[in-house]
Amino acid sequence: MFVLLPLLGTLAIAGTPSSSGYLEDGDGRHKSSQAFDGLLRSGWGISTLEEQPWLQLDLGRSTDIQTISIWPGNLKTGARSYTEYSRPHLIRVEVDG
């Protein structure tokens, strides 16, 4: 499974997120924009049926990237939900531009 996760902190707000899909469950829709909203209690989710999910952020221009932070897991209810939800086994980060 490959997941592209260029998480860029406050710069992410100015970008256009997209993904291969999203998860919809009892808590609502977990769309790509939630991966970049800066909130650790929300995030992008994808169905376990998705074989090669991807997530990307188009900043629309060349941008100096200092760091990339990836927070896998669900922090909605703290440590318990963080350990109960699956994590990606492999993450590939691609920077173009």
C-alpha atoms as a PDB file:
ATOM      1  CA  MET A   1       0.000   0.000   0.000  1.00  0.00           C
ATOM      2  CA  PHE A   2       1.336   3.434  -0.932  1.00  0.00           C
ATOM      3  CA  VAL A   3       0.063   6.595   0.676  1.00  0.00           C
ATOM      4  CA  LEU A   4       1.438   9.978  -0.366  1.00  0.00           C
ATOM      5  CA  LEU A   5       1.412  12.276   2.629  1.00  0.00           C
ATOM      6  CA  PRO A   6       3.059  15.648   2.158  1.00  0.00           C
ATOM      7  CA  LEU A   7       1.910  17.285   5.403  1.00  0.00           C
ATOM      8  CA  LEU A   8       3.187  20.841   5.503  1.00  0.00           C
ATOM      9  CA  GLY A   9       1.714  22.504   8.587  1.00  0.00           C
ATOM     10  CA  THR A  10       0.349  25.995   7.962  1.00  0.00           C
ATOM     11  CA  LEU A  11       1.397  25.954   4.298  1.00  0.00           C
ATOM     12  CA  ALA A  12      -1.058  23.121   3.737  1.00  0.00           C
ATOM     13  CA  ILE A  13      -3.989  25.461   4.255  1.00  0.00           C
ATOM     14  CA  ALA A  14      -3.045  27.287   1.040  1.00  0.00           C
ATOM     15  CA  GLY A  15      -2.905  24.060  -0.983  1.00  0.00           C
ATOM     16  CA  THR A  16      -5.460  21.909  -2.758  1.00  0.00           C
ATOM     17  CA  PRO A  17      -5.763  18.426  -1.228  1.00  0.00           C
ATOM     18  CA  SER A  18      -7.013  15.400  -3.141  1.00  0.00           C
ATOM     19  CA  SER A  19      -7.077  11.648  -2.611  1.00  0.00           C
ATOM     20  CA  SER A  20      -8.092   8.330  -4.082  1.00  0.00           C
ATOM     21  CA  GLY A  21     -11.228   8.378  -1.942  1.00  0.00           C
ATOM     22  CA  TYR A  22     -12.430   8.859   1.609  1.00  0.00           C
ATOM     23  CA  LEU A  23     -14.052   6.990   4.449  1.00  0.00           C
ATOM     24  CA  GLU A  24     -17.620   7.675   5.501  1.00  0.00           C
ATOM     25  CA  ASP A  25     -18.698   6.256   8.854  1.00  0.00           C
ATOM     26  CA  GLY A  26     -20.784   7.154  11.899  1.00  0.00           C
ATOM     27  CA  ASP A  27     -18.540  10.145  12.560  1.00  0.00           C
ATOM     28  CA  GLY A  28     -19.093  11.551   9.066  1.00  0.00           C
ATOM     29  CA  ARG A  29     -16.821  11.906   6.060  1.00  0.00           C
ATOM     30  CA  HIS A  30     -13.060  11.765   6.493  1.00  0.00           C
ATOM     31  CA  LYS A  31     -11.991  13.702   3.396  1.00  0.00           C
ATOM     32  CA  SER A  32      -8.499  14.626   2.219  1.00  0.00           C
ATOM     33  CA  SER A  33      -8.833  18.207   3.467  1.00  0.00           C
ATOM     34  CA  GLN A  34      -8.929  16.868   7.046  1.00  0.00           C
ATOM     35  CA  ALA A  35      -5.395  15.535   6.681  1.00  0.00           C
ATOM     36  CA  PHE A  36      -4.156  19.094   6.323  1.00  0.00           C
ATOM     37  CA  ASP A  37      -6.393  21.031   8.723  1.00  0.00           C
ATOM     38  CA  GLY A  38      -3.855  21.018  11.567  1.00  0.00           C
ATOM     39  CA  LEU A  39      -6.231  19.227  13.952  1.00  0.00           C
ATOM     40  CA  LEU A  40      -5.007  15.946  15.453  1.00  0.00           C
ATOM     41  CA  ARG A  41      -8.581  14.906  16.283  1.00  0.00           C
ATOM     42  CA  SER A  42      -9.587  14.811  12.619  1.00  0.00           C
ATOM     43  CA  GLY A  43      -7.977  13.206   9.633  1.00  0.00           C
ATOM     44  CA  TRP A  44      -8.313  11.574   6.271  1.00  0.00           C
ATOM     45  CA  GLY A  45      -9.622   8.036   6.277  1.00  0.00           C
ATOM     46  CA  ILE A  46      -9.927   5.400   3.602  1.00  0.00           C
ATOM     47  CA  SER A  47     -11.801   2.117   3.372  1.00  0.00           C
ATOM     48  CA  THR A  48      -9.795  -1.018   4.057  1.00  0.00           C
ATOM     49  CA  LEU A  49     -10.989  -2.207   0.630  1.00  0.00           C
ATOM     50  CA  GLU A  50      -8.881   0.454  -1.107  1.00  0.00           C
ATOM     51  CA  GLU A  51      -5.762  -1.378  -2.335  1.00  0.00           C
ATOM     52  CA  GLN A  52      -3.479   1.554  -3.155  1.00  0.00           C
ATOM     53  CA  PRO A  53      -4.832   4.683  -1.488  1.00  0.00           C
ATOM     54  CA  TRP A  54      -3.077   7.968  -2.076  1.00  0.00           C
ATOM     55  CA  LEU A  55      -3.240  11.461  -0.656  1.00  0.00           C
ATOM     56  CA  GLN A  56      -1.666  14.575  -2.117  1.00  0.00           C
ATOM     57  CA  LEU A  57      -1.444  18.313  -1.638  1.00  0.00           C
ATOM     58  CA  ASP A  58      -0.931  20.626  -4.601  1.00  0.00           C
ATOM     59  CA  LEU A  59       0.526  23.930  -3.434  1.00  0.00           C
ATOM     60  CA  GLY A  60       0.172  25.392  -6.914  1.00  0.00           C
ATOM     61  CA  ARG A  61       3.707  26.782  -7.007  1.00  0.00           C
ATOM     62  CA  SER A  62       7.258  25.945  -5.990  1.00  0.00           C
ATOM     63  CA  THR A  63       7.545  26.157  -2.208  1.00  0.00           C
ATOM     64  CA  ASP A  64      10.491  25.768   0.141  1.00  0.00           C
ATOM     65  CA  ILE A  65       9.622  22.793   2.372  1.00  0.00           C
ATOM     66  CA  GLN A  66      11.524  22.651   5.662  1.00  0.00           C
ATOM     67  CA  THR A  67       9.787  19.705   7.356  1.00  0.00           C
ATOM     68  CA  ILE A  68       7.093  17.131   6.757  1.00  0.00           C
ATOM     69  CA  SER A  69       5.119  15.782   9.738  1.00  0.00           C
ATOM     70  CA  ILE A  70       3.050  12.621   9.492  1.00  0.00           C
ATOM     71  CA  TRP A  71       0.686  11.699  12.321  1.00  0.00           C
ATOM     72  CA  PRO A  72      -0.781   8.274  11.543  1.00  0.00           C
ATOM     73  CA  GLY A  73      -3.660   7.101  13.675  1.00  0.00           C
ATOM     74  CA  ASN A  74      -6.823   8.423  15.241  1.00  0.00           C
ATOM     75  CA  LEU A  75      -6.540  10.674  18.296  1.00  0.00           C
ATOM     76  CA  LYS A  76     -10.275  11.316  18.672  1.00  0.00           C
ATOM     77  CA  THR A  77     -10.493   9.593  22.053  1.00  0.00           C
ATOM     78  CA  GLY A  78      -6.807   9.725  22.963  1.00  0.00           C
ATOM     79  CA  ALA A  79      -4.426   6.812  23.356  1.00  0.00           C
ATOM     80  CA  ARG A  80      -7.120   4.143  23.080  1.00  0.00           C
ATOM     81  CA  SER A  81      -8.350   5.142  19.627  1.00  0.00           C
ATOM     82  CA  TYR A  82      -4.779   5.781  18.512  1.00  0.00           C
ATOM     83  CA  THR A  83      -3.802   2.156  19.191  1.00  0.00           C
ATOM     84  CA  GLU A  84      -7.073   0.667  17.867  1.00  0.00           C
ATOM     85  CA  TYR A  85      -6.926   2.126  14.358  1.00  0.00           C
ATOM     86  CA  SER A  86      -4.615   0.753  11.702  1.00  0.00           C
ATOM     87  CA  ARG A  87      -1.534   2.534  10.423  1.00  0.00           C
ATOM     88  CA  PRO A  88       0.002   2.511   6.982  1.00  0.00           C
ATOM     89  CA  HIS A  89       2.677  -0.141   6.544  1.00  0.00           C
ATOM     90  CA  LEU A  90       4.548   1.876   3.959  1.00  0.00           C
ATOM     91  CA  ILE A  91       4.520   5.617   3.278  1.00  0.00           C
ATOM     92  CA  ARG A  92       6.095   7.120   0.187  1.00  0.00           C
ATOM     93  CA  VAL A  93       6.584  10.874   0.138  1.00  0.00           C
ATOM     94  CA  GLU A  94       7.141  12.497  -3.238  1.00  0.00           C
ATOM     95  CA  VAL A  95       8.056  16.133  -3.732  1.00  0.00           C
ATOM     96  CA  ASP A  96       7.802  17.536  -7.247  1.00  0.00           C
ATOM     97  CA  GLY A  97       8.704  21.097  -8.182  1.00  0.00           C
END
